[in-house]
C-alpha atoms as a PDB file:
ATOM      1  CA  UNK A   1     -22.309  87.202  69.966  1.00  0.00           C
ATOM      2  CA  UNK A   2     -20.956  83.831  68.742  1.00  0.00           C
ATOM      3  CA  UNK A   3     -21.649  80.683  70.167  1.00  0.00           C
ATOM      4  CA  UNK A   4     -19.618  78.708  71.960  1.00  0.00           C
ATOM      5  CA  UNK A   5     -18.566  75.126  70.044  1.00  0.00           C
ATOM      6  CA  UNK A   6     -17.687  72.441  71.805  1.00  0.00           C
ATOM      7  CA  UNK A   7     -14.568  71.171  70.460  1.00  0.00           C
ATOM      8  CA  UNK A   8     -16.036  67.594  70.134  1.00  0.00           C
ATOM      9  CA  UNK A   9     -19.133  67.903  68.647  1.00  0.00           C
ATOM     10  CA  UNK A  10     -21.158  66.328  65.275  1.00  0.00           C
ATOM     11  CA  UNK A  11     -21.894  69.835  63.920  1.00  0.00           C
ATOM     12  CA  UNK A  12     -17.815  70.922  63.884  1.00  0.00           C
ATOM     13  CA  UNK A  13     -17.103  67.766  61.903  1.00  0.00           C
ATOM     14  CA  UNK A  14     -20.222  68.610  59.803  1.00  0.00           C
ATOM     15  CA  UNK A  15     -19.264  72.063  59.184  1.00  0.00           C
ATOM     16  CA  UNK A  16     -15.551  70.598  58.913  1.00  0.00           C
ATOM     17  CA  UNK A  17     -16.420  68.077  56.342  1.00  0.00           C
ATOM     18  CA  UNK A  18     -18.662  70.829  54.055  1.00  0.00           C
ATOM     19  CA  UNK A  19     -16.181  73.240  54.191  1.00  0.00           C
ATOM     20  CA  UNK A  20     -13.181  71.709  53.502  1.00  0.00           C
ATOM     21  CA  UNK A  21     -14.056  70.058  50.236  1.00  0.00           C
ATOM     22  CA  UNK A  22     -14.902  73.681  49.150  1.00  0.00           C
ATOM     23  CA  UNK A  23     -11.945  75.513  49.490  1.00  0.00           C
ATOM     24  CA  UNK A  24     -10.228  71.851  47.689  1.00  0.00           C
ATOM     25  CA  UNK A  25     -12.643  72.048  44.502  1.00  0.00           C
ATOM     26  CA  UNK A  26     -11.917  75.550  44.374  1.00  0.00           C
ATOM     27  CA  UNK A  27      -8.179  75.605  44.671  1.00  0.00           C
ATOM     28  CA  UNK A  28      -7.888  72.597  42.250  1.00  0.00           C
ATOM     29  CA  UNK A  29      -9.987  73.999  39.335  1.00  0.00           C
ATOM     30  CA  UNK A  30      -7.906  77.575  39.749  1.00  0.00           C
ATOM     31  CA  UNK A  31      -4.639  75.408  39.474  1.00  0.00           C
ATOM     32  CA  UNK A  32      -6.194  73.149  36.528  1.00  0.00           C
ATOM     33  CA  UNK A  33      -7.668  76.098  35.023  1.00  0.00           C
ATOM     34  CA  UNK A  34      -4.193  77.582  35.205  1.00  0.00           C
ATOM     35  CA  UNK A  35      -2.309  75.108  33.697  1.00  0.00           C
ATOM     36  CA  UNK A  36      -4.967  74.845  31.030  1.00  0.00           C
ATOM     37  CA  UNK A  37      -4.377  78.398  29.606  1.00  0.00           C
ATOM     38  CA  UNK A  38      -0.403  77.580  29.731  1.00  0.00           C
ATOM     39  CA  UNK A  39      -0.934  75.034  27.264  1.00  0.00           C
ATOM     40  CA  UNK A  40      -0.047  71.919  30.246  1.00  0.00           C
ATOM     41  CA  UNK A  41      -3.375  70.018  30.476  1.00  0.00           C
ATOM     42  CA  UNK A  42      -5.811  69.079  28.015  1.00  0.00           C
ATOM     43  CA  UNK A  43      -9.644  67.661  27.828  1.00  0.00           C
ATOM     44  CA  UNK A  44      -9.683  65.753  24.078  1.00  0.00           C
ATOM     45  CA  UNK A  45     -10.515  62.922  24.737  1.00  0.00           C
ATOM     46  CA  UNK A  46     -11.894  62.835  28.023  1.00  0.00           C
ATOM     47  CA  UNK A  47     -15.818  63.181  28.779  1.00  0.00           C
ATOM     48  CA  UNK A  48     -16.956  66.100  28.897  1.00  0.00           C
ATOM     49  CA  UNK A  49     -17.947  66.021  32.601  1.00  0.00           C
ATOM     50  CA  UNK A  50     -14.746  64.242  33.460  1.00  0.00           C
ATOM     51  CA  UNK A  51     -12.408  67.510  35.083  1.00  0.00           C
ATOM     52  CA  UNK A  52     -15.478  68.433  37.267  1.00  0.00           C
ATOM     53  CA  UNK A  53     -16.080  65.004  38.522  1.00  0.00           C
ATOM     54  CA  UNK A  54     -12.611  63.994  39.010  1.00  0.00           C
ATOM     55  CA  UNK A  55     -11.615  67.364  41.139  1.00  0.00           C
ATOM     56  CA  UNK A  56     -14.519  66.888  42.932  1.00  0.00           C
ATOM     57  CA  UNK A  57     -14.246  63.286  43.716  1.00  0.00           C
ATOM     58  CA  UNK A  58     -10.830  64.071  44.660  1.00  0.00           C
ATOM     59  CA  UNK A  59     -11.826  67.269  47.139  1.00  0.00           C
ATOM     60  CA  UNK A  60     -14.357  64.651  48.999  1.00  0.00           C
ATOM     61  CA  UNK A  61     -11.349  62.367  49.482  1.00  0.00           C
ATOM     62  CA  UNK A  62      -9.372  65.583  51.540  1.00  0.00           C
ATOM     63  CA  UNK A  63     -12.139  64.368  54.076  1.00  0.00           C
ATOM     64  CA  UNK A  64     -10.356  61.286  54.785  1.00  0.00           C
ATOM     65  CA  UNK A  65      -6.977  63.365  55.615  1.00  0.00           C
ATOM     66  CA  UNK A  66      -8.954  65.753  57.870  1.00  0.00           C
ATOM     67  CA  UNK A  67      -9.909  62.160  59.921  1.00  0.00           C
ATOM     68  CA  UNK A  68      -6.798  60.972  60.513  1.00  0.00           C
ATOM     69  CA  UNK A  69      -5.780  64.008  61.374  1.00  0.00           C
ATOM     70  CA  UNK A  70      -8.115  64.331  64.095  1.00  0.00           C
ATOM     71  CA  UNK A  71      -7.918  60.401  64.859  1.00  0.00           C
ATOM     72  CA  UNK A  72      -4.369  60.829  65.290  1.00  0.00           C
ATOM     73  CA  UNK A  73      -3.765  63.950  67.453  1.00  0.00           C
ATOM     74  CA  UNK A  74      -7.190  64.687  69.642  1.00  0.00           C
ATOM     75  CA  UNK A  75      -9.098  62.173  70.117  1.00  0.00           C
ATOM     76  CA  UNK A  76     -12.325  63.978  69.133  1.00  0.00           C
ATOM     77  CA  UNK A  77     -15.301  61.101  67.746  1.00  0.00           C
ATOM     78  CA  UNK A  78     -17.512  63.313  67.854  1.00  0.00           C
ATOM     79  CA  UNK A  79     -15.841  65.304  65.166  1.00  0.00           C
ATOM     80  CA  UNK A  80     -14.813  62.580  62.934  1.00  0.00           C
ATOM     81  CA  UNK A  81     -18.800  61.036  63.584  1.00  0.00           C
ATOM     82  CA  UNK A  82     -19.269  64.436  61.595  1.00  0.00           C
ATOM     83  CA  UNK A  83     -16.845  64.531  58.903  1.00  0.00           C
ATOM     84  CA  UNK A  84     -17.996  60.907  58.165  1.00  0.00           C
ATOM     85  CA  UNK A  85     -21.878  62.002  57.723  1.00  0.00           C
ATOM     86  CA  UNK A  86     -20.816  64.962  55.653  1.00  0.00           C
ATOM     87  CA  UNK A  87     -18.419  62.779  53.448  1.00  0.00           C
ATOM     88  CA  UNK A  88     -21.459  60.279  53.136  1.00  0.00           C
ATOM     89  CA  UNK A  89     -23.764  62.835  51.797  1.00  0.00           C
ATOM     90  CA  UNK A  90     -21.075  64.426  49.377  1.00  0.00           C
ATOM     91  CA  UNK A  91     -20.547  60.982  47.965  1.00  0.00           C
ATOM     92  CA  UNK A  92     -23.908  60.497  47.851  1.00  0.00           C
ATOM     93  CA  UNK A  93     -24.497  63.973  45.828  1.00  0.00           C
ATOM     94  CA  UNK A  94     -21.422  62.889  43.910  1.00  0.00           C
ATOM     95  CA  UNK A  95     -23.604  59.847  42.173  1.00  0.00           C
ATOM     96  CA  UNK A  96     -26.643  61.048  42.177  1.00  0.00           C
ATOM     97  CA  UNK A  97     -25.144  63.719  39.982  1.00  0.00           C
ATOM     98  CA  UNK A  98     -21.979  61.668  37.737  1.00  0.00           C
ATOM     99  CA  UNK A  99     -23.025  57.884  38.874  1.00  0.00           C
ATOM    100  CA  UNK A 100     -25.581  57.364  37.075  1.00  0.00           C
ATOM    101  CA  UNK A 101     -24.176  59.139  33.890  1.00  0.00           C
ATOM    102  CA  UNK A 102     -21.467  56.712  34.373  1.00  0.00           C
ATOM    103  CA  UNK A 103     -23.501  53.632  34.706  1.00  0.00           C
ATOM    104  CA  UNK A 104     -25.537  54.494  31.923  1.00  0.00           C
ATOM    105  CA  UNK A 105     -22.420  54.082  30.185  1.00  0.00           C
END
């Protein structure tokens, strides 16, 4: 049996905070790849990891939309706290992977 998850828990927020950016990243990457094959977008003149870096940052920012939705309609503070923890974790990973390269010029 699946255990009953509280509707207002930090773990639920962490799960949402890791799931939503992963799904959005996949969808954006699919759209970007499709548009690249059609000739609408091109990576010429950009850094090698521009696409990955930008799409990852946009997908992390989707947690802001989810946080606002929970704050305005649900008033579930523990879930919002979990979303914030997941967002900070993802930002730390993003900075570790891409930010150090950017700062080296």
